[in-house]
Amino acid sequence: MDNHEFPFTKEDVVLAKERIRPYIRETPLLASGFTAGNDRPVYFKCENLQVTGAFKARGAFNFILSLQSQGGASGVITASSGNHGQAVAYAAAVLGLPCTVVVPEDVIAVKEQAIRHYGAKVESAGRTSSARIERAEQLAAQRGWVFVPPYDHPWTAAGQGTAGLEVMQQRSDVSAVLVPIGGGGLISGIATAMKETNPGVRVIGVEPELANDTYLSLQAGKVVDIGANHTIADGLRTSHPGHYTFPIVQRYVDEVILVSEQDILQAARDLLFNSKLLVEPSGAVPVAALAKLSPQKVGTGSVVCLLSGGNTDPGWLASLLTGLAFGDEVKR
């Protein structure tokens, strides 16, 4: 597949960066004290410190601002397990649009409360990404509003890719970046930005073992739907990769690593106690994968872990603080 056949390119990510600059933070890239491979230094790209607490604000603002440049909308609606919904609700409030967010029936309460805090209406539908997206698209059609895809749209993914541009500007010697994979919007955007800047950078995706739809899809050479899943990383509970994002993942992502629930919990605990960073389970998965990296996988430069968000469930955080999860002690 030639570059011109892709839904967006690095140039679109560059334009997105300028478009959203007034509304988002350039998050820090922090030395972590961790190493990977042959003692390569590891840095954390702290999207847990982004507005609304996750990287999703980048894509939400880029989508709605791009929409406004093409005639606008009377309202926006989206589907989300939490973070994208918060981002769209916040962007809609800033830009003066009414907003509704369709969440799963088992949405984490603190994320639903945050969505409502930004002024959006909330409706629940099913427990899979497919179910809530279907309902959101139905509501959008009924109201004449515009559906803001959580990951599977060039505007959304290009906005998420601005985090990759920042990484390249903040650390010129990056040789590998580890990125969580849900629907693929974040990693397809980052991979496009970084690979089209420096093809030698290794882009490594990380998924929970319980939500391995992209891993299985890459093995099958086509999109695979795994249905509902129950990983603790609620932001990665998509049932299949996106139509737009998957071909980009196929071309640009070097590898996908799977991590266990125990790996994710331990990584989140290490981030909290050792690095003093509050990171939700979905954002901790790249750190959980560090131990699985060989020197050949990371190259000779710095390694970056994309910490995608910090919107944690208070109950889960309490279990993390006490060292307990699912009734089992978290091993140090």
C-alpha atoms as a PDB file:
ATOM      1  CA  MET A   1       0.000   0.000   0.000  1.00  0.00           C
ATOM      2  CA  ASP A   2       1.447   3.361  -1.035  1.00  0.00           C
ATOM      3  CA  ASN A   3       1.443   6.352   1.314  1.00  0.00           C
ATOM      4  CA  HIS A   4      -1.166   8.180  -0.799  1.00  0.00           C
ATOM      5  CA  GLU A   5      -3.619   5.356  -0.137  1.00  0.00           C
ATOM      6  CA  PHE A   6      -3.511   5.956   3.621  1.00  0.00           C
ATOM      7  CA  PRO A   7      -6.255   8.104   5.171  1.00  0.00           C
ATOM      8  CA  PHE A   8      -3.702  10.548   6.617  1.00  0.00           C
ATOM      9  CA  THR A   9       0.037  11.245   6.601  1.00  0.00           C
ATOM     10  CA  LYS A  10       2.623  12.916   8.802  1.00  0.00           C
ATOM     11  CA  GLU A  11       1.686  16.235   7.188  1.00  0.00           C
ATOM     12  CA  ASP A  12      -1.857  15.849   8.544  1.00  0.00           C
ATOM     13  CA  VAL A  13      -0.432  15.201  12.005  1.00  0.00           C
ATOM     14  CA  VAL A  14       1.707  18.355  11.719  1.00  0.00           C
ATOM     15  CA  LEU A  15      -1.385  20.371  10.762  1.00  0.00           C
ATOM     16  CA  ALA A  16      -3.297  18.819  13.647  1.00  0.00           C
ATOM     17  CA  LYS A  17      -0.544  19.857  16.062  1.00  0.00           C
ATOM     18  CA  GLU A  18      -0.916  23.495  15.033  1.00  0.00           C
ATOM     19  CA  ARG A  19      -4.717  23.275  15.077  1.00  0.00           C
ATOM     20  CA  ILE A  20      -5.013  21.932  18.605  1.00  0.00           C
ATOM     21  CA  ARG A  21      -2.066  23.792  20.155  1.00  0.00           C
ATOM     22  CA  PRO A  22      -4.233  26.395  21.987  1.00  0.00           C
ATOM     23  CA  TYR A  23      -6.341  23.718  23.639  1.00  0.00           C
ATOM     24  CA  ILE A  24      -4.029  20.932  24.821  1.00  0.00           C
ATOM     25  CA  ARG A  25      -0.815  20.565  26.807  1.00  0.00           C
ATOM     26  CA  GLU A  26       2.568  19.558  25.454  1.00  0.00           C
ATOM     27  CA  THR A  27       3.066  16.864  28.058  1.00  0.00           C
ATOM     28  CA  PRO A  28       6.495  16.207  29.596  1.00  0.00           C
ATOM     29  CA  LEU A  29       8.863  13.413  28.621  1.00  0.00           C
ATOM     30  CA  LEU A  30      10.385  12.314  31.915  1.00  0.00           C
ATOM     31  CA  ALA A  31      13.427  10.175  32.672  1.00  0.00           C
ATOM     32  CA  SER A  32      12.034   7.139  34.458  1.00  0.00           C
ATOM     33  CA  GLY A  33      14.931   5.400  36.180  1.00  0.00           C
ATOM     34  CA  PHE A  34      13.888   2.238  34.294  1.00  0.00           C
ATOM     35  CA  THR A  35      16.020   0.571  31.639  1.00  0.00           C
ATOM     36  CA  ALA A  36      15.175  -1.780  28.786  1.00  0.00           C
ATOM     37  CA  GLY A  37      17.025  -4.161  26.500  1.00  0.00           C
ATOM     38  CA  ASN A  38      20.773  -3.600  26.807  1.00  0.00           C
ATOM     39  CA  ASP A  39      20.401  -1.018  29.620  1.00  0.00           C
ATOM     40  CA  ARG A  40      18.813   1.566  27.337  1.00  0.00           C
ATOM     41  CA  PRO A  41      17.262   4.509  29.251  1.00  0.00           C
ATOM     42  CA  VAL A  42      13.478   4.604  29.420  1.00  0.00           C
ATOM     43  CA  TYR A  43      11.437   7.811  29.294  1.00  0.00           C
ATOM     44  CA  PHE A  44       7.761   8.308  30.090  1.00  0.00           C
ATOM     45  CA  LYS A  45       5.554  10.416  27.804  1.00  0.00           C
ATOM     46  CA  CYS A  46       3.089  11.590  30.427  1.00  0.00           C
ATOM     47  CA  GLU A  47      -0.281  11.839  28.725  1.00  0.00           C
ATOM     48  CA  ASN A  48      -1.769  11.139  32.162  1.00  0.00           C
ATOM     49  CA  LEU A  49      -1.036  14.854  32.686  1.00  0.00           C
ATOM     50  CA  GLN A  50      -2.951  15.904  29.546  1.00  0.00           C
ATOM     51  CA  VAL A  51      -6.158  17.958  29.826  1.00  0.00           C
ATOM     52  CA  THR A  52      -9.010  15.648  30.904  1.00  0.00           C
ATOM     53  CA  GLY A  53      -6.343  13.216  32.136  1.00  0.00           C
ATOM     54  CA  ALA A  54      -5.623  11.319  28.901  1.00  0.00           C
ATOM     55  CA  PHE A  55      -4.300  11.626  25.346  1.00  0.00           C
ATOM     56  CA  LYS A  56      -7.846  11.577  23.950  1.00  0.00           C
ATOM     57  CA  ALA A  57      -8.161  15.374  24.066  1.00  0.00           C
ATOM     58  CA  ARG A  58      -5.781  15.557  21.105  1.00  0.00           C
ATOM     59  CA  GLY A  59      -8.060  13.616  18.780  1.00  0.00           C
ATOM     60  CA  ALA A  60     -11.286  15.131  20.106  1.00  0.00           C
ATOM     61  CA  PHE A  61     -10.137  18.699  19.507  1.00  0.00           C
ATOM     62  CA  ASN A  62      -8.671  17.894  16.112  1.00  0.00           C
ATOM     63  CA  PHE A  63     -11.899  16.237  14.981  1.00  0.00           C
ATOM     64  CA  ILE A  64     -14.251  18.980  16.168  1.00  0.00           C
ATOM     65  CA  LEU A  65     -12.008  21.813  14.952  1.00  0.00           C
ATOM     66  CA  SER A  66     -11.662  20.097  11.558  1.00  0.00           C
ATOM     67  CA  LEU A  67     -15.430  19.688  11.503  1.00  0.00           C
ATOM     68  CA  GLN A  68     -15.950  23.383  12.195  1.00  0.00           C
ATOM     69  CA  SER A  69     -13.690  24.298   9.296  1.00  0.00           C
ATOM     70  CA  GLN A  70     -16.046  22.314   7.024  1.00  0.00           C
ATOM     71  CA  GLY A  71     -19.322  23.867   8.089  1.00  0.00           C
ATOM     72  CA  GLY A  72     -19.629  22.790  11.704  1.00  0.00           C
ATOM     73  CA  ALA A  73     -22.395  20.849  13.457  1.00  0.00           C
ATOM     74  CA  SER A  74     -25.414  21.527  15.645  1.00  0.00           C
ATOM     75  CA  GLY A  75     -24.102  19.006  18.194  1.00  0.00           C
ATOM     76  CA  VAL A  76     -21.715  16.095  18.669  1.00  0.00           C
ATOM     77  CA  ILE A  77     -22.159  12.592  19.997  1.00  0.00           C
ATOM     78  CA  THR A  78     -19.672   9.859  20.696  1.00  0.00           C
ATOM     79  CA  ALA A  79     -19.190   6.399  22.215  1.00  0.00           C
ATOM     80  CA  SER A  80     -16.583   5.748  24.871  1.00  0.00           C
ATOM     81  CA  SER A  81     -15.546   3.639  27.828  1.00  0.00           C
ATOM     82  CA  GLY A  82     -14.610   6.907  29.512  1.00  0.00           C
ATOM     83  CA  ASN A  83     -11.539   8.840  28.396  1.00  0.00           C
ATOM     84  CA  HIS A  84     -12.650   9.686  24.854  1.00  0.00           C
ATOM     85  CA  GLY A  85     -16.041  10.661  26.213  1.00  0.00           C
ATOM     86  CA  GLN A  86     -14.449  13.047  28.688  1.00  0.00           C
ATOM     87  CA  ALA A  87     -12.313  14.547  25.938  1.00  0.00           C
ATOM     88  CA  VAL A  88     -15.227  15.078  23.536  1.00  0.00           C
ATOM     89  CA  ALA A  89     -17.392  16.491  26.340  1.00  0.00           C
ATOM     90  CA  TYR A  90     -14.633  18.920  27.310  1.00  0.00           C
ATOM     91  CA  ALA A  91     -13.863  19.942  23.721  1.00  0.00           C
ATOM     92  CA  ALA A  92     -17.566  20.430  22.995  1.00  0.00           C
ATOM     93  CA  ALA A  93     -17.938  22.620  26.090  1.00  0.00           C
ATOM     94  CA  VAL A  94     -14.907  24.733  25.155  1.00  0.00           C
ATOM     95  CA  LEU A  95     -16.133  25.116  21.572  1.00  0.00           C
ATOM     96  CA  GLY A  96     -19.765  25.723  22.500  1.00  0.00           C
ATOM     97  CA  LEU A  97     -21.500  22.563  21.252  1.00  0.00           C
ATOM     98  CA  PRO A  98     -24.056  20.283  22.941  1.00  0.00           C
ATOM     99  CA  CYS A  99     -22.763  16.760  23.472  1.00  0.00           C
ATOM    100  CA  THR A 100     -23.992  13.271  24.342  1.00  0.00           C
ATOM    101  CA  VAL A 101     -21.722  10.339  25.217  1.00  0.00           C
ATOM    102  CA  VAL A 102     -22.790   6.685  24.973  1.00  0.00           C
ATOM    103  CA  VAL A 103     -20.932   4.616  27.569  1.00  0.00           C
ATOM    104  CA  PRO A 104     -20.902   0.881  28.354  1.00  0.00           C
ATOM    105  CA  GLU A 105     -23.245  -0.438  31.024  1.00  0.00           C
ATOM    106  CA  ASP A 106     -20.207  -1.269  33.171  1.00  0.00           C
ATOM    107  CA  VAL A 107     -18.531   2.138  32.772  1.00  0.00           C
ATOM    108  CA  ILE A 108     -16.212   3.156  35.615  1.00  0.00           C
ATOM    109  CA  ALA A 109     -18.238   5.567  37.731  1.00  0.00           C
ATOM    110  CA  VAL A 110     -15.553   8.226  38.082  1.00  0.00           C
ATOM    111  CA  LYS A 111     -15.249   8.458  34.288  1.00  0.00           C
ATOM    112  CA  GLU A 112     -19.001   8.852  33.865  1.00  0.00           C
ATOM    113  CA  GLN A 113     -19.006  11.546  36.540  1.00  0.00           C
ATOM    114  CA  ALA A 114     -16.241  13.413  34.714  1.00  0.00           C
ATOM    115  CA  ILE A 115     -18.193  13.293  31.437  1.00  0.00           C
ATOM    116  CA  ARG A 116     -21.220  14.787  33.176  1.00  0.00           C
ATOM    117  CA  HIS A 117     -18.997  17.368  34.888  1.00  0.00           C
ATOM    118  CA  TYR A 118     -18.042  18.755  31.462  1.00  0.00           C
ATOM    119  CA  GLY A 119     -21.727  19.242  30.667  1.00  0.00           C
ATOM    120  CA  ALA A 120     -22.450  16.292  28.384  1.00  0.00           C
ATOM    121  CA  LYS A 121     -25.478  14.002  28.572  1.00  0.00           C
ATOM    122  CA  VAL A 122     -24.786  10.302  29.146  1.00  0.00           C
ATOM    123  CA  GLU A 123     -26.540   7.198  27.836  1.00  0.00           C
ATOM    124  CA  SER A 124     -25.480   3.563  28.318  1.00  0.00           C
ATOM    125  CA  ALA A 125     -25.558   0.754  25.768  1.00  0.00           C
ATOM    126  CA  GLY A 126     -24.193  -2.783  26.039  1.00  0.00           C
ATOM    127  CA  ARG A 127     -20.718  -3.772  27.125  1.00  0.00           C
ATOM    128  CA  THR A 128     -18.795  -3.823  23.839  1.00  0.00           C
ATOM    129  CA  SER A 129     -17.343  -1.023  21.746  1.00  0.00           C
ATOM    130  CA  SER A 130     -19.480  -2.170  18.820  1.00  0.00           C
ATOM    131  CA  ALA A 131     -22.706  -1.874  20.832  1.00  0.00           C
ATOM    132  CA  ARG A 132     -22.068   1.631  22.080  1.00  0.00           C
ATOM    133  CA  ILE A 133     -20.779   2.881  18.710  1.00  0.00           C
ATOM    134  CA  GLU A 134     -23.910   1.505  16.996  1.00  0.00           C
ATOM    135  CA  ARG A 135     -26.155   3.293  19.501  1.00  0.00           C
ATOM    136  CA  ALA A 136     -24.217   6.567  19.220  1.00  0.00           C
ATOM    137  CA  GLU A 137     -24.415   6.520  15.436  1.00  0.00           C
ATOM    138  CA  GLN A 138     -28.158   5.843  15.677  1.00  0.00           C
ATOM    139  CA  LEU A 139     -28.666   8.824  17.998  1.00  0.00           C
ATOM    140  CA  ALA A 140     -26.531  11.060  15.784  1.00  0.00           C
ATOM    141  CA  ALA A 141     -28.676  10.202  12.767  1.00  0.00           C
ATOM    142  CA  GLN A 142     -31.886  10.863  14.707  1.00  0.00           C
ATOM    143  CA  ARG A 143     -30.735  14.271  15.965  1.00  0.00           C
ATOM    144  CA  GLY A 144     -28.784  15.441  12.934  1.00  0.00           C
ATOM    145  CA  TRP A 145     -25.645  15.668  15.053  1.00  0.00           C
ATOM    146  CA  VAL A 146     -22.144  14.504  14.111  1.00  0.00           C
ATOM    147  CA  PHE A 147     -20.660  11.295  15.516  1.00  0.00           C
ATOM    148  CA  VAL A 148     -17.082  11.740  16.781  1.00  0.00           C
ATOM    149  CA  PRO A 149     -15.349   8.350  16.353  1.00  0.00           C
ATOM    150  CA  PRO A 150     -13.267   7.279  19.370  1.00  0.00           C
ATOM    151  CA  TYR A 151     -10.432   6.011  17.169  1.00  0.00           C
ATOM    152  CA  ASP A 152     -11.457   4.965  13.670  1.00  0.00           C
ATOM    153  CA  HIS A 153     -11.266   8.235  11.737  1.00  0.00           C
ATOM    154  CA  PRO A 154      -8.340  10.099  10.119  1.00  0.00           C
ATOM    155  CA  TRP A 155      -9.045  13.303  12.084  1.00  0.00           C
ATOM    156  CA  THR A 156      -9.127  11.449  15.392  1.00  0.00           C
ATOM    157  CA  ALA A 157      -6.002   9.385  14.715  1.00  0.00           C
ATOM    158  CA  ALA A 158      -4.044  12.337  13.292  1.00  0.00           C
ATOM    159  CA  GLY A 159      -4.815  14.278  16.453  1.00  0.00           C
ATOM    160  CA  GLN A 160      -3.565  11.424  18.633  1.00  0.00           C
ATOM    161  CA  GLY A 161      -0.411  11.257  16.511  1.00  0.00           C
ATOM    162  CA  THR A 162       0.641  14.703  17.727  1.00  0.00           C
ATOM    163  CA  ALA A 163       1.966  12.976  20.852  1.00  0.00           C
ATOM    164  CA  GLY A 164       4.440  11.171  18.595  1.00  0.00           C
ATOM    165  CA  LEU A 165       5.638  14.435  17.049  1.00  0.00           C
ATOM    166  CA  GLU A 166       6.251  15.802  20.528  1.00  0.00           C
ATOM    167  CA  VAL A 167       8.281  12.736  21.479  1.00  0.00           C
ATOM    168  CA  MET A 168      10.513  13.160  18.412  1.00  0.00           C
ATOM    169  CA  GLN A 169      11.058  16.820  19.257  1.00  0.00           C
ATOM    170  CA  GLN A 170      11.677  16.177  22.940  1.00  0.00           C
ATOM    171  CA  ARG A 171      14.123  13.287  22.471  1.00  0.00           C
ATOM    172  CA  SER A 172      15.993  13.046  19.182  1.00  0.00           C
ATOM    173  CA  ASP A 173      17.688   9.721  20.017  1.00  0.00           C
ATOM    174  CA  VAL A 174      14.483   7.689  20.461  1.00  0.00           C
ATOM    175  CA  SER A 175      14.910   4.233  18.948  1.00  0.00           C
ATOM    176  CA  ALA A 176      11.737   2.563  20.253  1.00  0.00           C
ATOM    177  CA  VAL A 177       8.334   3.646  21.514  1.00  0.00           C
ATOM    178  CA  LEU A 178       5.824   1.426  23.341  1.00  0.00           C
ATOM    179  CA  VAL A 179       2.180   2.370  22.864  1.00  0.00           C
ATOM    180  CA  PRO A 180      -1.049   0.899  24.288  1.00  0.00           C
ATOM    181  CA  ILE A 181      -3.496  -0.454  21.702  1.00  0.00           C
ATOM    182  CA  GLY A 182      -7.258  -0.261  22.008  1.00  0.00           C
ATOM    183  CA  GLY A 183      -8.927   0.497  18.699  1.00  0.00           C
ATOM    184  CA  GLY A 184      -5.645   1.642  17.190  1.00  0.00           C
ATOM    185  CA  GLY A 185      -6.157   5.399  16.909  1.00  0.00           C
ATOM    186  CA  LEU A 186      -3.247   6.317  19.175  1.00  0.00           C
ATOM    187  CA  ILE A 187      -0.732   3.870  17.771  1.00  0.00           C
ATOM    188  CA  SER A 188      -1.669   4.499  14.130  1.00  0.00           C
ATOM    189  CA  GLY A 189      -1.263   8.236  14.645  1.00  0.00           C
ATOM    190  CA  ILE A 190       2.020   7.902  16.515  1.00  0.00           C
ATOM    191  CA  ALA A 191       3.368   5.324  14.053  1.00  0.00           C
ATOM    192  CA  THR A 192       2.535   7.587  11.106  1.00  0.00           C
ATOM    193  CA  ALA A 193       4.204  10.599  12.716  1.00  0.00           C
ATOM    194  CA  MET A 194       7.312   8.752  13.851  1.00  0.00           C
ATOM    195  CA  LYS A 195       7.890   6.310  10.992  1.00  0.00           C
ATOM    196  CA  GLU A 196       7.447   9.044   8.388  1.00  0.00           C
ATOM    197  CA  THR A 197       9.975  11.157  10.311  1.00  0.00           C
ATOM    198  CA  ASN A 198      12.466   8.351  11.010  1.00  0.00           C
ATOM    199  CA  PRO A 199      11.689   4.902   9.546  1.00  0.00           C
ATOM    200  CA  GLY A 200      14.279   3.344  11.846  1.00  0.00           C
ATOM    201  CA  VAL A 201      12.287   3.992  15.008  1.00  0.00           C
ATOM    202  CA  ARG A 202      10.634   0.825  16.279  1.00  0.00           C
ATOM    203  CA  VAL A 203       6.945   1.253  17.116  1.00  0.00           C
ATOM    204  CA  ILE A 204       5.828  -1.491  19.499  1.00  0.00           C
ATOM    205  CA  GLY A 205       2.190  -1.960  20.459  1.00  0.00           C
ATOM    206  CA  VAL A 206       1.108  -3.435  23.774  1.00  0.00           C
ATOM    207  CA  GLU A 207      -2.213  -5.144  24.495  1.00  0.00           C
ATOM    208  CA  PRO A 208      -3.633  -7.033  27.479  1.00  0.00           C
ATOM    209  CA  GLU A 209      -3.791 -10.777  26.960  1.00  0.00           C
ATOM    210  CA  LEU A 210      -7.540 -10.518  27.609  1.00  0.00           C
ATOM    211  CA  ALA A 211      -8.036  -7.866  24.892  1.00  0.00           C
ATOM    212  CA  ASN A 212      -5.759  -9.117  22.122  1.00  0.00           C
ATOM    213  CA  ASP A 213      -7.852  -8.181  19.078  1.00  0.00           C
ATOM    214  CA  THR A 214      -5.066  -6.361  17.222  1.00  0.00           C
ATOM    215  CA  TYR A 215      -2.566  -9.124  17.982  1.00  0.00           C
ATOM    216  CA  LEU A 216      -4.944 -11.755  16.590  1.00  0.00           C
ATOM    217  CA  SER A 217      -5.876  -9.557  13.628  1.00  0.00           C
ATOM    218  CA  LEU A 218      -2.217  -9.149  12.660  1.00  0.00           C
ATOM    219  CA  GLN A 219      -1.748 -12.916  12.848  1.00  0.00           C
ATOM    220  CA  ALA A 220      -4.836 -13.476  10.679  1.00  0.00           C
ATOM    221  CA  GLY A 221      -4.025 -10.692   8.227  1.00  0.00           C
ATOM    222  CA  LYS A 222      -7.544  -9.284   8.651  1.00  0.00           C
ATOM    223  CA  VAL A 223      -9.704  -7.664  11.301  1.00  0.00           C
ATOM    224  CA  VAL A 224     -10.748 -10.147  14.010  1.00  0.00           C
ATOM    225  CA  ASP A 225     -13.579  -9.377  16.463  1.00  0.00           C
ATOM    226  CA  ILE A 226     -13.094 -10.911  19.911  1.00  0.00           C
ATOM    227  CA  GLY A 227     -16.381  -9.683  21.407  1.00  0.00           C
ATOM    228  CA  ALA A 228     -16.686  -8.512  25.004  1.00  0.00           C
ATOM    229  CA  ASN A 229     -13.627  -8.763  27.233  1.00  0.00           C
ATOM    230  CA  HIS A 230     -12.936  -7.959  30.851  1.00  0.00           C
ATOM    231  CA  THR A 231      -9.369  -6.740  31.174  1.00  0.00           C
ATOM    232  CA  ILE A 232      -8.639  -4.375  34.065  1.00  0.00           C
ATOM    233  CA  ALA A 233      -7.380  -1.983  31.359  1.00  0.00           C
ATOM    234  CA  ASP A 234     -10.875  -0.674  30.626  1.00  0.00           C
ATOM    235  CA  GLY A 235      -9.661   1.820  28.003  1.00  0.00           C
ATOM    236  CA  LEU A 236      -8.384  -1.084  25.880  1.00  0.00           C
ATOM    237  CA  ARG A 237     -11.575  -3.163  25.859  1.00  0.00           C
ATOM    238  CA  THR A 238     -12.255  -2.734  22.158  1.00  0.00           C
ATOM    239  CA  SER A 239     -13.522  -5.816  20.376  1.00  0.00           C
ATOM    240  CA  HIS A 240     -11.717  -5.201  17.061  1.00  0.00           C
ATOM    241  CA  PRO A 241      -9.236  -2.757  15.470  1.00  0.00           C
ATOM    242  CA  GLY A 242     -10.516   0.033  13.265  1.00  0.00           C
ATOM    243  CA  HIS A 243     -11.123   0.011   9.514  1.00  0.00           C
ATOM    244  CA  TYR A 244      -8.867   3.052   9.014  1.00  0.00           C
ATOM    245  CA  THR A 245      -6.341   2.264  11.710  1.00  0.00           C
ATOM    246  CA  PHE A 246      -5.643  -1.420  11.098  1.00  0.00           C
ATOM    247  CA  PRO A 247      -3.895  -1.040   7.691  1.00  0.00           C
ATOM    248  CA  ILE A 248      -1.604   1.557   9.267  1.00  0.00           C
ATOM    249  CA  VAL A 249      -0.828  -0.813  12.131  1.00  0.00           C
ATOM    250  CA  GLN A 250      -0.079  -3.549   9.589  1.00  0.00           C
ATOM    251  CA  ARG A 251       2.395  -1.356   7.759  1.00  0.00           C
ATOM    252  CA  TYR A 252       4.097   0.643  10.489  1.00  0.00           C
ATOM    253  CA  VAL A 253       3.897  -1.266  13.786  1.00  0.00           C
ATOM    254  CA  ASP A 254       6.902  -3.543  14.254  1.00  0.00           C
ATOM    255  CA  GLU A 255       5.447  -5.821  16.901  1.00  0.00           C
ATOM    256  CA  VAL A 256       2.592  -6.260  19.363  1.00  0.00           C
ATOM    257  CA  ILE A 257       3.407  -7.562  22.839  1.00  0.00           C
ATOM    258  CA  LEU A 258       0.791  -9.089  25.154  1.00  0.00           C
ATOM    259  CA  VAL A 259       0.847  -8.540  28.927  1.00  0.00           C
ATOM    260  CA  SER A 260      -1.045 -10.280  31.708  1.00  0.00           C
ATOM    261  CA  GLU A 261      -3.414  -8.680  34.201  1.00  0.00           C
ATOM    262  CA  GLN A 262      -0.817  -9.238  36.929  1.00  0.00           C
ATOM    263  CA  ASP A 263       1.847  -7.540  34.760  1.00  0.00           C
ATOM    264  CA  ILE A 264      -0.429  -4.508  34.329  1.00  0.00           C
ATOM    265  CA  LEU A 265      -1.192  -4.225  38.039  1.00  0.00           C
ATOM    266  CA  GLN A 266       2.466  -4.476  38.970  1.00  0.00           C
ATOM    267  CA  ALA A 267       3.421  -1.832  36.413  1.00  0.00           C
ATOM    268  CA  ALA A 268       0.756   0.560  37.723  1.00  0.00           C
ATOM    269  CA  ARG A 269       1.972   0.006  41.270  1.00  0.00           C
ATOM    270  CA  ASP A 270       5.605   0.594  40.265  1.00  0.00           C
ATOM    271  CA  LEU A 271       4.605   3.795  38.480  1.00  0.00           C
ATOM    272  CA  LEU A 272       2.795   5.031  41.571  1.00  0.00           C
ATOM    273  CA  PHE A 273       5.346   4.096  44.229  1.00  0.00           C
ATOM    274  CA  ASN A 274       8.628   4.341  42.317  1.00  0.00           C
ATOM    275  CA  SER A 275       7.912   7.105  39.800  1.00  0.00           C
ATOM    276  CA  LYS A 276       5.208   8.966  41.771  1.00  0.00           C
ATOM    277  CA  LEU A 277       2.910   8.881  38.741  1.00  0.00           C
ATOM    278  CA  LEU A 278      -0.768   7.993  38.965  1.00  0.00           C
ATOM    279  CA  VAL A 279      -1.477   6.018  35.785  1.00  0.00           C
ATOM    280  CA  GLU A 280      -4.609   4.036  34.973  1.00  0.00           C
ATOM    281  CA  PRO A 281      -4.240   0.358  33.948  1.00  0.00           C
ATOM    282  CA  SER A 282      -4.512   1.134  30.218  1.00  0.00           C
ATOM    283  CA  GLY A 283      -1.670   3.628  30.495  1.00  0.00           C
ATOM    284  CA  ALA A 284       0.517   1.208  32.439  1.00  0.00           C
ATOM    285  CA  VAL A 285       0.612  -1.539  29.792  1.00  0.00           C
ATOM    286  CA  PRO A 286       3.762  -0.210  28.023  1.00  0.00           C
ATOM    287  CA  VAL A 287       5.667  -0.346  31.314  1.00  0.00           C
ATOM    288  CA  ALA A 288       4.359  -3.881  31.848  1.00  0.00           C
ATOM    289  CA  ALA A 289       5.998  -4.852  28.538  1.00  0.00           C
ATOM    290  CA  LEU A 290       9.476  -3.502  29.316  1.00  0.00           C
ATOM    291  CA  ALA A 291      10.690  -6.792  30.772  1.00  0.00           C
ATOM    292  CA  LYS A 292       9.766  -8.549  27.522  1.00  0.00           C
ATOM    293  CA  LEU A 293      12.058  -6.414  25.361  1.00  0.00           C
ATOM    294  CA  SER A 294      15.322  -7.816  24.034  1.00  0.00           C
ATOM    295  CA  PRO A 295      18.219  -5.524  22.988  1.00  0.00           C
ATOM    296  CA  GLN A 296      17.324  -6.214  19.346  1.00  0.00           C
ATOM    297  CA  LYS A 297      13.818  -4.887  19.909  1.00  0.00           C
ATOM    298  CA  VAL A 298      14.806  -1.525  21.375  1.00  0.00           C
ATOM    299  CA  GLY A 299      17.801  -0.495  19.278  1.00  0.00           C
ATOM    300  CA  THR A 300      20.642   1.698  20.506  1.00  0.00           C
ATOM    301  CA  GLY A 301      18.797   4.830  21.577  1.00  0.00           C
ATOM    302  CA  SER A 302      16.241   5.785  24.184  1.00  0.00           C
ATOM    303  CA  VAL A 303      13.015   3.895  24.819  1.00  0.00           C
ATOM    304  CA  VAL A 304       9.742   5.766  25.365  1.00  0.00           C
ATOM    305  CA  CYS A 305       6.640   4.422  27.112  1.00  0.00           C
ATOM    306  CA  LEU A 306       3.446   6.281  26.243  1.00  0.00           C
ATOM    307  CA  LEU A 307       1.475   6.603  29.503  1.00  0.00           C
ATOM    308  CA  SER A 308      -1.893   7.161  27.886  1.00  0.00           C
ATOM    309  CA  GLY A 309      -4.003   8.268  30.850  1.00  0.00           C
ATOM    310  CA  GLY A 310      -4.429   8.696  34.581  1.00  0.00           C
ATOM    311  CA  ASN A 311      -8.191   8.513  35.157  1.00  0.00           C
ATOM    312  CA  THR A 312      -8.344   5.781  37.755  1.00  0.00           C
ATOM    313  CA  ASP A 313     -11.262   4.162  39.545  1.00  0.00           C
ATOM    314  CA  PRO A 314     -11.008   5.041  43.274  1.00  0.00           C
ATOM    315  CA  GLY A 315     -11.844   1.471  44.271  1.00  0.00           C
ATOM    316  CA  TRP A 316      -9.121   0.087  42.022  1.00  0.00           C
ATOM    317  CA  LEU A 317      -6.678   2.688  43.350  1.00  0.00           C
ATOM    318  CA  ALA A 318      -7.456   1.657  46.920  1.00  0.00           C
ATOM    319  CA  SER A 319      -6.685  -1.976  46.060  1.00  0.00           C
ATOM    320  CA  LEU A 320      -3.455  -0.869  44.418  1.00  0.00           C
ATOM    321  CA  LEU A 321      -2.397   1.096  47.489  1.00  0.00           C
ATOM    322  CA  THR A 322      -3.008  -1.852  49.791  1.00  0.00           C
ATOM    323  CA  GLY A 323      -1.258  -4.274  47.431  1.00  0.00           C
ATOM    324  CA  LEU A 324      -4.431  -6.226  46.768  1.00  0.00           C
ATOM    325  CA  ALA A 325      -6.164  -6.953  43.477  1.00  0.00           C
ATOM    326  CA  PHE A 326      -8.842  -9.570  42.772  1.00  0.00           C
ATOM    327  CA  GLY A 327      -8.184 -10.854  46.294  1.00  0.00           C
ATOM    328  CA  ASP A 328      -4.557 -11.720  45.522  1.00  0.00           C
ATOM    329  CA  GLU A 329      -1.444 -10.032  46.821  1.00  0.00           C
ATOM    330  CA  VAL A 330       0.442  -8.045  44.207  1.00  0.00           C
ATOM    331  CA  LYS A 331       3.984  -9.362  44.219  1.00  0.00           C
ATOM    332  CA  ARG A 332       6.773  -6.790  44.485  1.00  0.00           C
END
